[in-house]
Amino acid sequence: MAKRLVVLFAIFSLMLCSLCMRILQINIGPFSASVSAQSNKRTISIAESRGAIYDRNGELLVNTKKQIYAAVIPSANVMSQIDNLLTSVDKSLIRKNLERGLPAVYPVGGISGNTPEIKHITTFKRYEENQPAAHLIGYISPEEKKGVSGLEKSFDQLLSSHSGRISVSFGVDGTGKALIGEGITINDENYNSPAGLMLTLDKRLQGIVENALDIYDIEMGAAVVLKAETSEILALASRPVFDPSNPSVSLKAENAPFLNRALMAYSVGSIFKPVVAAAAIENGISESFEHDCVGYVQIGSNRFRCHNRSGHGVLDMAGAIANSCNTYFIELSKQVGAEKVYAMANAFGFGREIELSDGLLSAAGSMPDEAELLSPAALANFSFGQGKLLATPLQIAAMYAAIANGGYYREPYVLMSMLDDNGQEYAYYMPPAPDRIMKASTAKKLISLLKETVDNGNGAAAKPDFATAAGKTATAQTGQYENGKELLVTWFAGFFPAEEPEYVIVIMKERGSASTKDCTPVFKYIADMIIKNKL
């Protein structure tokens, strides 16, 4: 019995000792593994970041929309001015937490000054409300934070590797209430890293192009601007556009806003005619070659009409380009021959996709097989850009750039370099090698023909106020009908200044009416704005 008492006393002593130690742990401060109330921390995550995307001038294309948060310790001073602090959030919920003594973080409209109990943290949203180049940049999944489309998808690994996080920490007691004397700690874990990707885009020019599409009601269409000498993509826009911050809203929207129409293939029409002219000049046919247009050409059982049903009369090559005479180019293609016309179209990049980055490609479009063009009817259709010929706005821009820069074809590109965490470029993208596809003298003659189209032909509405320009209109038939009416694709493709081209601009509108009304004014607006803004 005595032994049992000794054992019970020993057990009781050990329990008492243990209790004493626990009491000591509460009072001896931060040395204990169980941590005193004085050293407890509550951390609230505010925002996460992702690698940056810049334009050619180092201007951010993402991460630009600021959002300011206030981190608050509910002191007596704070509670006395809480109504002034809570300006743009659910006041009842925040007030309830603060009245319970809990620290809080909430968005505010601006910075009103930092105190020991209030600190402001500036964060950013990934996308703006009117996000520049939304289709090219793409978007990330709101849930998984992974790239879903565009460059966000192509460079998901790179951009994710430069992710960051910003949070705040408060000192709290055992019940989670804020300790006023502990202050607020801001934890910046690589949140503002400048690392990321630099593009050839010009943000200012991108804005001009997107405004132009909206001003001139290009509700379904696209625009591309290239640097004439190098084929660098300076702007690329598609309409309609989606909201990358809330992509689910656009899933059920009409007219497929997720489609990047600048990279989709469409019926081409008369903007293809300079290809036939190039083949002719390269093979010794003079621009003085004439044809008498009577409004149509009969080939077997097929009658190919000119848009001027009564005919243009006798035209040389300059007149045929300026007036967009179909029958002239049918005859010209016969003189050149199917093989040489096909070879020139191939050299201009028709029928080939353009790779902008891993997995981000323009459509290849389509061309008839060379053997098909042995059919006089197929060659006739091909000569003025109809039949099986399909191309993307980006391909058309590359075609006109080859003319503008003296006969060198350069595949368009959009990637420039990568930046590290110090904001220094460390990897540069090599542009595709140029390919001479025609003599410089041929290109010079084509520029002269296209300048005449803007000066005195059906492209006159594209003429800028402050520069010369050269280009070509097109109203392409699609063979698709709606309510008994054929759907048309309208175009204007050109460059300026005509004498020393710097910018190539292509405008395309789906469901257009006439290129002279739909697209030429857009070209003029963009060209004039480039000049006014000294881009």
Protein backbone atom coordinates (compact mmCIF):
# COMPACT_ATOMS: atom_id res chain seq x y z
CA MET A 1 0.00 0.00 0.00
CA ALA A 2 2.87 2.37 0.86
CA LYS A 3 4.54 1.54 -2.46
CA ARG A 4 1.35 2.45 -4.32
CA LEU A 5 1.26 5.80 -2.45
CA VAL A 6 4.90 6.48 -3.37
CA VAL A 7 4.21 5.70 -7.03
CA LEU A 8 1.08 7.89 -7.08
CA PHE A 9 2.98 10.71 -5.41
CA ALA A 10 5.78 10.40 -7.97
CA ILE A 11 3.29 10.50 -10.84
CA PHE A 12 1.55 13.50 -9.26
CA SER A 13 4.91 15.26 -8.86
CA LEU A 14 5.79 14.69 -12.49
CA MET A 15 2.41 16.04 -13.61
CA LEU A 16 2.83 19.09 -11.38
CA CYS A 17 6.32 19.67 -12.73
CA SER A 18 5.05 19.40 -16.28
CA LEU A 19 2.29 21.91 -15.52
CA CYS A 20 4.86 24.24 -14.00
CA MET A 21 6.98 24.00 -17.11
CA ARG A 22 3.97 24.82 -19.29
CA ILE A 23 3.25 27.83 -17.13
CA LEU A 24 6.88 28.89 -17.46
CA GLN A 25 6.72 28.45 -21.21
CA ILE A 26 3.84 30.90 -21.36
CA ASN A 27 5.76 33.45 -19.35
CA ILE A 28 9.36 33.08 -20.39
CA GLY A 29 8.89 34.59 -23.81
CA PRO A 30 10.03 33.56 -27.28
CA PHE A 31 12.39 30.82 -26.24
CA SER A 32 9.64 28.24 -25.98
CA ALA A 33 8.63 25.94 -28.82
CA SER A 34 5.01 26.55 -27.95
CA VAL A 35 5.57 30.32 -28.46
CA SER A 36 4.19 33.01 -26.19
CA ALA A 37 1.26 35.17 -27.14
CA GLN A 38 3.71 38.03 -27.48
CA SER A 39 5.40 36.38 -30.49
CA ASN A 40 2.45 34.97 -32.42
CA LYS A 41 2.14 36.23 -35.99
CA ARG A 42 -0.71 36.31 -38.41
CA THR A 43 0.25 36.64 -42.09
CA ILE A 44 -2.23 37.69 -44.76
CA SER A 45 -1.36 37.15 -48.41
CA ILE A 46 -2.32 40.11 -50.59
CA ALA A 47 -1.23 39.39 -54.16
CA GLU A 48 0.85 37.17 -56.40
CA SER A 49 2.82 38.29 -59.44
CA ARG A 50 4.09 36.73 -62.65
CA GLY A 51 6.95 37.56 -65.02
CA ALA A 52 6.57 40.84 -66.89
CA ILE A 53 5.94 41.42 -70.61
CA TYR A 54 7.39 44.61 -72.14
CA ASP A 55 7.14 46.46 -75.42
CA ARG A 56 10.22 47.36 -77.46
CA ASN A 57 10.75 50.55 -75.43
CA GLY A 58 10.63 48.81 -72.06
CA GLU A 59 7.05 49.85 -71.35
CA LEU A 60 5.02 47.27 -69.45
CA LEU A 61 2.20 45.63 -71.40
CA VAL A 62 0.92 43.79 -68.30
CA ASN A 63 1.09 44.43 -64.54
CA THR A 64 0.21 48.09 -65.05
CA LYS A 65 -3.15 48.53 -63.34
CA LYS A 66 -2.46 49.52 -59.73
CA GLN A 67 -4.47 48.33 -56.75
CA ILE A 68 -3.75 49.81 -53.31
CA TYR A 69 -4.48 47.93 -50.11
CA ALA A 70 -4.51 49.16 -46.53
CA ALA A 71 -3.21 46.88 -43.78
CA VAL A 72 -4.82 47.97 -40.47
CA ILE A 73 -4.31 47.31 -36.78
CA PRO A 74 -7.58 48.25 -35.01
CA SER A 75 -6.26 50.76 -32.46
CA ALA A 76 -8.44 53.38 -30.78
CA ASN A 77 -7.08 55.96 -33.23
CA VAL A 78 -7.99 53.82 -36.22
CA MET A 79 -11.47 53.05 -34.96
CA SER A 80 -12.18 56.76 -34.48
CA GLN A 81 -11.68 57.44 -38.17
CA ILE A 82 -12.89 54.14 -39.59
CA ASP A 83 -15.65 55.70 -41.68
CA ASN A 84 -13.09 57.75 -43.57
CA LEU A 85 -10.85 54.72 -44.09
CA LEU A 86 -13.54 52.42 -45.42
CA THR A 87 -14.34 54.05 -48.73
CA SER A 88 -14.68 51.36 -51.35
CA VAL A 89 -15.33 48.03 -49.65
CA ASP A 90 -18.01 46.24 -47.69
CA LYS A 91 -17.88 48.39 -44.56
CA SER A 92 -19.95 46.09 -42.39
CA LEU A 93 -17.66 43.09 -42.78
CA ILE A 94 -14.43 45.05 -42.27
CA ARG A 95 -15.90 47.01 -39.36
CA LYS A 96 -17.02 43.77 -37.72
CA ASN A 97 -13.51 42.32 -37.87
CA LEU A 98 -11.88 45.50 -36.63
CA GLU A 99 -14.31 45.84 -33.74
CA ARG A 100 -13.34 42.31 -32.71
CA GLY A 101 -9.73 43.48 -32.58
CA LEU A 102 -8.69 41.47 -35.66
CA PRO A 103 -6.15 42.92 -38.11
CA ALA A 104 -7.49 43.51 -41.61
CA VAL A 105 -6.35 44.12 -45.18
CA TYR A 106 -8.71 45.74 -47.67
CA PRO A 107 -8.54 47.61 -51.00
CA VAL A 108 -8.66 51.41 -50.95
CA GLY A 109 -8.90 54.11 -53.57
CA GLY A 110 -5.58 55.77 -52.72
CA ILE A 111 -2.86 56.35 -50.14
CA SER A 112 -3.85 58.64 -47.28
CA GLY A 113 -0.62 58.36 -45.29
CA ASN A 114 1.05 55.59 -43.33
CA THR A 115 0.98 55.32 -39.51
CA PRO A 116 2.16 52.60 -37.11
CA GLU A 117 -1.37 51.14 -37.30
CA ILE A 118 -1.98 51.65 -41.04
CA LYS A 119 0.31 50.76 -43.92
CA HIS A 120 -0.50 51.01 -47.61
CA ILE A 121 0.69 48.41 -50.09
CA THR A 122 0.65 49.04 -53.84
CA THR A 123 -0.03 45.96 -55.97
CA PHE A 124 -1.00 45.52 -59.60
CA LYS A 125 -3.49 43.54 -61.61
CA ARG A 126 -2.19 41.40 -64.45
CA TYR A 127 -4.42 42.95 -67.12
CA GLU A 128 -6.03 46.31 -67.76
CA GLU A 129 -9.71 46.82 -68.51
CA ASN A 130 -8.78 47.53 -72.14
CA GLN A 131 -5.77 45.27 -72.26
CA PRO A 132 -3.36 46.12 -75.12
CA ALA A 133 -2.68 43.28 -77.57
CA ALA A 134 -4.95 40.94 -75.62
CA HIS A 135 -5.01 38.25 -78.30
CA LEU A 136 -1.25 38.19 -78.73
CA ILE A 137 -0.48 38.26 -75.00
CA GLY A 138 -3.27 35.79 -74.18
CA TYR A 139 -4.45 35.10 -70.66
CA ILE A 140 -3.85 32.89 -67.63
CA SER A 141 -6.27 30.56 -65.89
CA PRO A 142 -7.68 32.40 -62.84
CA GLU A 143 -7.67 29.13 -60.89
CA GLU A 144 -4.42 27.42 -61.90
CA LYS A 145 -2.44 30.58 -62.72
CA LYS A 146 -1.14 28.95 -65.90
CA GLY A 147 -1.01 30.38 -69.39
CA VAL A 148 -4.00 29.35 -71.48
CA SER A 149 -3.39 31.19 -74.76
CA GLY A 150 -1.01 33.50 -76.59
CA LEU A 151 2.41 34.34 -75.22
CA GLU A 152 1.19 33.59 -71.70
CA LYS A 153 0.92 29.97 -72.79
CA SER A 154 4.05 29.86 -74.97
CA PHE A 155 6.21 31.28 -72.19
CA ASP A 156 4.33 29.91 -69.21
CA GLN A 157 7.41 28.27 -67.73
CA LEU A 158 9.54 31.40 -68.05
CA LEU A 159 6.87 33.76 -66.70
CA SER A 160 5.96 31.38 -63.88
CA SER A 161 9.60 31.06 -62.86
CA HIS A 162 9.62 34.77 -62.10
CA SER A 163 6.53 34.68 -59.92
CA GLY A 164 6.41 36.57 -56.63
CA ARG A 165 4.21 37.21 -53.63
CA ILE A 166 3.48 40.09 -51.29
CA SER A 167 1.92 39.72 -47.85
CA VAL A 168 1.68 41.47 -44.47
CA SER A 169 2.27 40.12 -40.97
CA PHE A 170 0.73 41.29 -37.71
CA GLY A 171 1.59 40.47 -34.13
CA VAL A 172 -1.43 38.80 -32.47
CA ASP A 173 -2.30 37.28 -29.14
CA GLY A 174 -3.52 33.76 -28.52
CA THR A 175 -7.05 34.68 -29.66
CA GLY A 176 -5.85 36.22 -32.91
CA LYS A 177 -6.36 39.83 -31.83
CA ALA A 178 -3.85 42.37 -33.05
CA LEU A 179 -1.11 43.58 -30.72
CA ILE A 180 -0.75 47.31 -31.28
CA GLY A 181 2.89 47.51 -30.29
CA GLU A 182 3.99 44.85 -32.77
CA GLY A 183 3.41 46.99 -35.87
CA ILE A 184 2.91 45.75 -39.43
CA THR A 185 5.54 43.93 -41.49
CA ILE A 186 5.35 43.92 -45.30
CA ASN A 187 6.81 40.75 -46.82
CA ASP A 188 7.92 41.23 -50.43
CA GLU A 189 8.98 37.90 -51.95
CA ASN A 190 10.21 38.89 -55.43
CA TYR A 191 6.84 40.55 -56.08
CA ASN A 192 8.22 43.46 -58.09
CA SER A 193 10.83 41.57 -60.08
CA PRO A 194 11.41 43.17 -63.50
CA ALA A 195 12.24 39.80 -65.07
CA GLY A 196 10.29 38.70 -68.10
CA LEU A 197 9.92 39.01 -71.85
CA MET A 198 10.46 41.93 -74.25
CA LEU A 199 8.50 42.12 -77.52
CA THR A 200 8.88 44.06 -80.74
CA LEU A 201 5.49 45.73 -80.14
CA ASP A 202 5.24 49.48 -79.61
CA LYS A 203 2.66 50.08 -76.89
CA ARG A 204 1.78 53.56 -78.13
CA LEU A 205 1.29 52.33 -81.67
CA GLN A 206 -0.69 49.34 -80.43
CA GLY A 207 -3.06 51.77 -78.73
CA ILE A 208 -3.44 53.82 -81.91
CA VAL A 209 -4.27 50.72 -83.94
CA GLU A 210 -6.83 49.45 -81.44
CA ASN A 211 -8.47 52.88 -81.25
CA ALA A 212 -8.62 53.00 -85.05
CA LEU A 213 -10.47 49.68 -85.26
CA ASP A 214 -13.02 50.91 -82.73
CA ILE A 215 -13.43 54.39 -84.22
CA TYR A 216 -14.12 52.97 -87.69
CA ASP A 217 -16.41 50.17 -86.47
CA ILE A 218 -14.27 47.19 -87.42
CA GLU A 219 -16.35 44.94 -85.17
CA MET A 220 -14.95 41.75 -86.71
CA GLY A 221 -11.51 42.07 -88.22
CA ALA A 222 -7.85 42.74 -87.60
CA ALA A 223 -4.95 45.08 -88.14
CA VAL A 224 -1.20 44.49 -88.38
CA VAL A 225 1.65 47.01 -88.46
CA LEU A 226 5.17 45.92 -89.37
CA LYS A 227 8.46 47.75 -89.46
CA ALA A 228 9.05 47.72 -93.21
CA GLU A 229 12.79 47.08 -93.14
CA THR A 230 12.77 44.15 -90.72
CA SER A 231 9.16 42.84 -90.56
CA GLU A 232 9.15 43.32 -86.77
CA ILE A 233 5.56 43.32 -85.53
CA LEU A 234 4.91 46.78 -84.10
CA ALA A 235 1.19 46.29 -83.53
CA LEU A 236 -1.25 43.43 -83.91
CA ALA A 237 -4.93 43.71 -83.00
CA SER A 238 -8.07 41.64 -83.45
CA ARG A 239 -11.74 42.42 -83.01
CA PRO A 240 -13.90 41.56 -81.16
CA VAL A 241 -11.75 41.37 -78.06
CA PHE A 242 -12.17 39.38 -74.84
CA ASP A 243 -11.53 40.34 -71.22
CA PRO A 244 -8.37 38.49 -70.09
CA SER A 245 -9.14 39.36 -66.46
CA ASN A 246 -12.46 37.56 -66.68
CA PRO A 247 -12.32 35.26 -69.72
CA SER A 248 -15.37 33.22 -68.70
CA VAL A 249 -17.60 36.21 -69.52
CA SER A 250 -16.49 36.01 -73.17
CA LEU A 251 -17.09 32.28 -73.60
CA LYS A 252 -20.71 32.78 -74.59
CA ALA A 253 -20.20 36.09 -76.38
CA GLU A 254 -21.13 36.45 -80.04
CA ASN A 255 -18.61 36.54 -82.89
CA ALA A 256 -15.96 34.40 -81.16
CA PRO A 257 -13.89 37.06 -79.36
CA PHE A 258 -11.11 34.60 -78.46
CA LEU A 259 -10.13 34.18 -82.13
CA ASN A 260 -7.01 36.07 -83.13
CA ARG A 261 -8.18 37.15 -86.56
CA ALA A 262 -4.79 38.61 -87.45
CA LEU A 263 -3.54 35.00 -87.59
CA MET A 264 -6.58 33.48 -89.33
CA ALA A 265 -6.89 32.85 -93.06
CA TYR A 266 -9.42 34.68 -95.22
CA SER A 267 -10.32 35.17 -98.87
CA VAL A 268 -7.73 37.55 -100.27
CA GLY A 269 -9.04 39.31 -103.38
CA SER A 270 -7.24 42.10 -105.20
CA ILE A 271 -4.49 42.79 -102.67
CA PHE A 272 -2.90 39.71 -104.30
CA LYS A 273 -2.57 41.42 -107.71
CA PRO A 274 0.92 42.87 -107.00
CA VAL A 275 2.16 39.26 -106.83
CA VAL A 276 1.11 38.73 -110.45
CA ALA A 277 2.61 42.09 -111.38
CA ALA A 278 5.89 41.10 -109.68
CA ALA A 279 6.00 37.80 -111.60
CA ALA A 280 5.39 39.66 -114.84
CA ILE A 281 8.07 42.32 -114.29
CA GLU A 282 10.60 39.73 -113.09
CA ASN A 283 10.02 37.81 -116.31
CA GLY A 284 10.47 40.71 -118.68
CA ILE A 285 6.92 41.96 -119.15
CA SER A 286 6.84 45.76 -119.09
CA GLU A 287 4.48 47.88 -117.02
CA SER A 288 3.38 49.31 -120.34
CA PHE A 289 1.72 46.00 -121.27
CA GLU A 290 -1.89 46.84 -122.22
CA HIS A 291 -5.23 45.09 -122.16
CA ASP A 292 -8.66 46.25 -123.28
CA CYS A 293 -11.13 45.54 -120.46
CA VAL A 294 -14.70 45.10 -121.72
CA GLY A 295 -16.05 44.12 -118.32
CA TYR A 296 -15.54 40.36 -118.51
CA VAL A 297 -13.42 37.53 -119.86
CA GLN A 298 -14.94 34.33 -121.20
CA ILE A 299 -12.91 31.19 -120.45
CA GLY A 300 -14.68 28.10 -121.66
CA SER A 301 -18.08 28.03 -119.99
CA ASN A 302 -16.94 30.44 -117.25
CA ARG A 303 -17.40 34.18 -117.46
CA PHE A 304 -15.10 36.16 -115.16
CA ARG A 305 -16.33 39.68 -114.56
CA CYS A 306 -14.57 42.85 -113.63
CA HIS A 307 -16.08 44.91 -110.82
CA ASN A 308 -16.69 47.55 -113.51
CA ARG A 309 -19.27 45.66 -115.50
CA SER A 310 -19.12 48.10 -118.40
CA GLY A 311 -15.33 47.71 -118.64
CA HIS A 312 -12.34 49.94 -118.03
CA GLY A 313 -11.19 50.12 -121.62
CA VAL A 314 -7.51 50.01 -122.46
CA LEU A 315 -5.27 49.91 -119.38
CA ASP A 316 -1.57 49.50 -118.74
CA MET A 317 -0.26 47.92 -115.53
CA ALA A 318 -0.44 51.16 -113.51
CA GLY A 319 -4.03 51.77 -114.57
CA ALA A 320 -4.97 48.17 -113.89
CA ILE A 321 -3.58 48.29 -110.34
CA ALA A 322 -5.09 51.70 -109.63
CA ASN A 323 -8.53 50.66 -110.89
CA SER A 324 -8.24 47.04 -109.67
CA CYS A 325 -9.14 45.58 -113.04
CA ASN A 326 -9.71 41.82 -112.83
CA THR A 327 -9.64 41.11 -116.54
CA TYR A 328 -6.24 42.79 -116.95
CA PHE A 329 -4.68 40.45 -114.40
CA ILE A 330 -6.36 37.42 -115.92
CA GLU A 331 -4.67 38.29 -119.19
CA LEU A 332 -1.39 39.17 -117.48
CA SER A 333 -1.24 35.82 -115.68
CA LYS A 334 -1.76 34.06 -119.01
CA GLN A 335 1.19 35.99 -120.44
CA VAL A 336 3.43 35.12 -117.47
CA GLY A 337 2.34 31.49 -117.12
CA ALA A 338 0.94 29.51 -114.22
CA GLU A 339 4.31 28.12 -113.09
CA LYS A 340 5.93 31.53 -112.65
CA VAL A 341 2.90 33.11 -110.96
CA TYR A 342 2.75 30.18 -108.55
CA ALA A 343 6.49 30.41 -107.81
CA MET A 344 6.22 34.10 -107.00
CA ALA A 345 3.23 33.54 -104.67
CA ASN A 346 5.21 30.84 -102.91
CA ALA A 347 8.21 33.16 -102.52
CA PHE A 348 5.91 35.76 -100.92
CA GLY A 349 5.03 33.25 -98.19
CA PHE A 350 1.54 32.20 -99.24
CA GLY A 351 0.56 28.73 -98.05
CA ARG A 352 3.07 28.73 -95.15
CA GLU A 353 2.37 29.27 -91.47
CA ILE A 354 4.34 31.86 -89.52
CA GLU A 355 5.62 30.79 -86.11
CA LEU A 356 5.68 33.65 -83.61
CA SER A 357 6.61 31.52 -80.61
CA ASP A 358 6.32 27.92 -79.44
CA GLY A 359 2.77 26.86 -80.23
CA LEU A 360 1.72 30.34 -81.42
CA LEU A 361 1.31 30.13 -85.19
CA SER A 362 -0.50 31.96 -87.90
CA ALA A 363 -2.66 29.80 -90.14
CA ALA A 364 -0.90 28.61 -93.27
CA GLY A 365 -3.80 29.69 -95.44
CA SER A 366 -4.08 27.84 -98.73
CA MET A 367 -2.99 27.96 -102.33
CA PRO A 368 -4.15 25.82 -105.21
CA ASP A 369 -1.69 23.16 -106.30
CA GLU A 370 0.58 24.20 -109.13
CA ALA A 371 -0.99 21.50 -111.29
CA GLU A 372 -4.45 22.97 -110.68
CA LEU A 373 -3.34 26.27 -112.15
CA LEU A 374 -2.83 24.57 -115.48
CA SER A 375 -6.58 24.95 -115.74
CA PRO A 376 -7.22 28.36 -117.38
CA ALA A 377 -10.25 28.93 -115.12
CA ALA A 378 -8.27 28.16 -111.93
CA LEU A 379 -5.43 30.46 -113.07
CA ALA A 380 -7.96 33.21 -113.83
CA ASN A 381 -9.38 33.02 -110.31
CA PHE A 382 -5.89 32.93 -108.81
CA SER A 383 -4.75 35.99 -110.78
CA PHE A 384 -7.03 38.30 -108.83
CA GLY A 385 -6.81 36.56 -105.47
CA GLN A 386 -9.92 34.37 -105.55
CA GLY A 387 -10.59 30.66 -105.78
CA LYS A 388 -8.74 28.51 -103.26
CA LEU A 389 -6.37 31.29 -102.20
CA LEU A 390 -6.62 32.13 -98.48
CA ALA A 391 -4.18 34.16 -96.37
CA THR A 392 -3.88 35.79 -92.97
CA PRO A 393 -3.51 39.53 -92.35
CA LEU A 394 0.00 38.76 -91.04
CA GLN A 395 0.93 36.99 -94.30
CA ILE A 396 -0.38 39.91 -96.33
CA ALA A 397 1.67 42.31 -94.19
CA ALA A 398 4.78 40.22 -94.87
CA MET A 399 4.01 40.31 -98.60
CA TYR A 400 3.78 44.10 -98.69
CA ALA A 401 6.87 44.43 -96.50
CA ALA A 402 8.82 42.47 -99.13
CA ILE A 403 7.82 45.07 -101.71
CA ALA A 404 8.49 48.00 -99.39
CA ASN A 405 12.02 46.95 -98.43
CA GLY A 406 13.40 46.38 -101.90
CA GLY A 407 12.48 42.79 -102.67
CA TYR A 408 13.61 41.01 -99.50
CA TYR A 409 11.05 38.75 -97.86
CA ARG A 410 11.40 38.60 -94.09
CA GLU A 411 9.14 36.46 -91.96
CA PRO A 412 7.44 38.62 -89.29
CA TYR A 413 8.51 38.14 -85.68
CA VAL A 414 7.48 39.48 -82.29
CA LEU A 415 10.09 38.30 -79.78
CA MET A 416 13.03 40.53 -78.87
CA SER A 417 14.74 39.42 -75.66
CA MET A 418 14.47 38.09 -72.09
CA LEU A 419 15.18 40.08 -68.93
CA ASP A 420 16.56 38.84 -65.62
CA ASP A 421 15.68 39.85 -62.05
CA ASN A 422 17.88 42.92 -62.41
CA GLY A 423 16.00 44.04 -65.49
CA GLN A 424 18.98 43.25 -67.74
CA GLU A 425 18.56 41.59 -71.13
CA TYR A 426 20.31 38.24 -71.20
CA ALA A 427 18.93 36.41 -74.25
CA TYR A 428 18.18 37.86 -77.66
CA TYR A 429 16.01 36.39 -80.37
CA MET A 430 17.57 36.10 -83.79
CA PRO A 431 15.17 37.33 -86.47
CA PRO A 432 14.54 35.07 -89.46
CA ALA A 433 17.05 35.51 -92.28
CA PRO A 434 15.93 37.67 -95.23
CA ASP A 435 15.33 36.06 -98.62
CA ARG A 436 15.62 38.05 -101.83
CA ILE A 437 12.58 37.11 -103.89
CA MET A 438 12.75 39.81 -106.59
CA LYS A 439 15.15 42.37 -107.94
CA ALA A 440 15.30 45.76 -106.25
CA SER A 441 14.25 47.33 -109.53
CA THR A 442 11.10 45.18 -109.60
CA ALA A 443 10.20 46.23 -106.08
CA LYS A 444 10.75 49.87 -107.02
CA LYS A 445 8.35 49.54 -109.95
CA LEU A 446 5.72 47.88 -107.74
CA ILE A 447 6.00 50.72 -105.22
CA SER A 448 5.38 53.19 -108.03
CA LEU A 449 2.30 51.23 -109.17
CA LEU A 450 0.90 51.05 -105.64
CA LYS A 451 1.58 54.75 -105.03
CA GLU A 452 -0.49 55.56 -108.11
CA THR A 453 -3.35 53.55 -106.57
CA VAL A 454 -3.35 55.81 -103.50
CA ASP A 455 -2.69 59.03 -105.41
CA ASN A 456 -5.21 58.59 -108.21
CA GLY A 457 -6.89 55.21 -107.88
CA ASN A 458 -9.45 53.47 -105.70
CA GLY A 459 -7.14 53.68 -102.67
CA ALA A 460 -7.34 57.47 -102.53
CA ALA A 461 -9.18 57.47 -99.19
CA ALA A 462 -6.09 55.89 -97.60
CA LYS A 463 -3.82 58.84 -98.46
CA PRO A 464 -2.39 60.36 -95.26
CA ASP A 465 -2.46 64.11 -94.69
CA PHE A 466 1.21 64.30 -93.81
CA ALA A 467 2.95 61.68 -95.95
CA THR A 468 2.87 59.79 -99.22
CA ALA A 469 1.64 56.20 -99.25
CA ALA A 470 1.31 53.18 -101.50
CA GLY A 471 -1.16 50.32 -101.26
CA LYS A 472 -4.01 48.27 -102.61
CA THR A 473 -7.68 47.70 -101.83
CA ALA A 474 -9.61 44.44 -102.00
CA THR A 475 -13.21 43.35 -101.67
CA ALA A 476 -12.97 39.56 -101.59
CA GLN A 477 -15.82 37.15 -102.23
CA THR A 478 -16.07 34.26 -99.79
CA GLY A 479 -18.64 32.01 -101.44
CA GLN A 480 -20.59 32.07 -98.17
CA TYR A 481 -24.07 33.51 -98.00
CA GLU A 482 -26.33 34.83 -95.28
CA ASN A 483 -29.96 35.72 -95.97
CA GLY A 484 -29.26 35.39 -99.66
CA LYS A 485 -26.36 37.88 -99.61
CA GLU A 486 -22.72 36.89 -100.08
CA LEU A 487 -20.42 37.65 -97.18
CA LEU A 488 -17.44 39.77 -98.18
CA VAL A 489 -13.99 40.33 -96.68
CA THR A 490 -12.59 43.80 -97.27
CA TRP A 491 -8.93 44.82 -97.10
CA PHE A 492 -6.42 47.59 -97.45
CA ALA A 493 -2.72 46.78 -97.47
CA GLY A 494 0.01 49.36 -97.91
CA PHE A 495 2.98 51.25 -96.55
CA PHE A 496 4.29 54.77 -96.03
CA PRO A 497 6.13 56.97 -96.81
CA ALA A 498 6.03 55.67 -100.36
CA GLU A 499 9.57 56.84 -101.26
CA GLU A 500 11.27 55.35 -98.20
CA PRO A 501 8.78 52.99 -96.54
CA GLU A 502 8.97 52.70 -92.76
CA TYR A 503 5.61 51.21 -91.79
CA VAL A 504 3.54 48.46 -93.40
CA ILE A 505 -0.15 48.50 -92.40
CA VAL A 506 -2.81 45.90 -93.20
CA ILE A 507 -6.48 46.27 -92.31
CA MET A 508 -9.06 43.48 -92.72
CA LYS A 509 -12.78 43.52 -92.03
CA GLU A 510 -15.09 40.51 -91.97
CA ARG A 511 -18.59 41.02 -93.34
CA GLY A 512 -17.43 44.17 -95.04
CA SER A 513 -19.20 46.21 -97.70
CA ALA A 514 -16.44 47.90 -99.73
CA SER A 515 -12.75 48.25 -98.97
CA THR A 516 -12.75 51.90 -100.03
CA LYS A 517 -15.19 52.60 -97.18
CA ASP A 518 -14.24 49.97 -94.61
CA CYS A 519 -10.45 49.85 -94.52
CA THR A 520 -8.85 52.78 -96.33
CA PRO A 521 -9.87 55.35 -93.67
CA VAL A 522 -8.35 53.13 -90.97
CA PHE A 523 -5.01 53.10 -92.80
CA LYS A 524 -5.08 56.89 -93.14
CA TYR A 525 -5.91 57.37 -89.44
CA ILE A 526 -3.10 55.10 -88.27
CA ALA A 527 -0.55 56.70 -90.62
CA ASP A 528 -1.50 60.24 -89.59
CA MET A 529 -1.41 59.35 -85.89
CA ILE A 530 2.04 57.78 -86.26
CA ILE A 531 3.28 61.00 -87.83
CA LYS A 532 1.54 63.29 -85.32
CA ASN A 533 2.92 61.33 -82.37
CA LYS A 534 6.40 61.11 -83.93
CA LEU A 535 6.60 57.36 -83.48
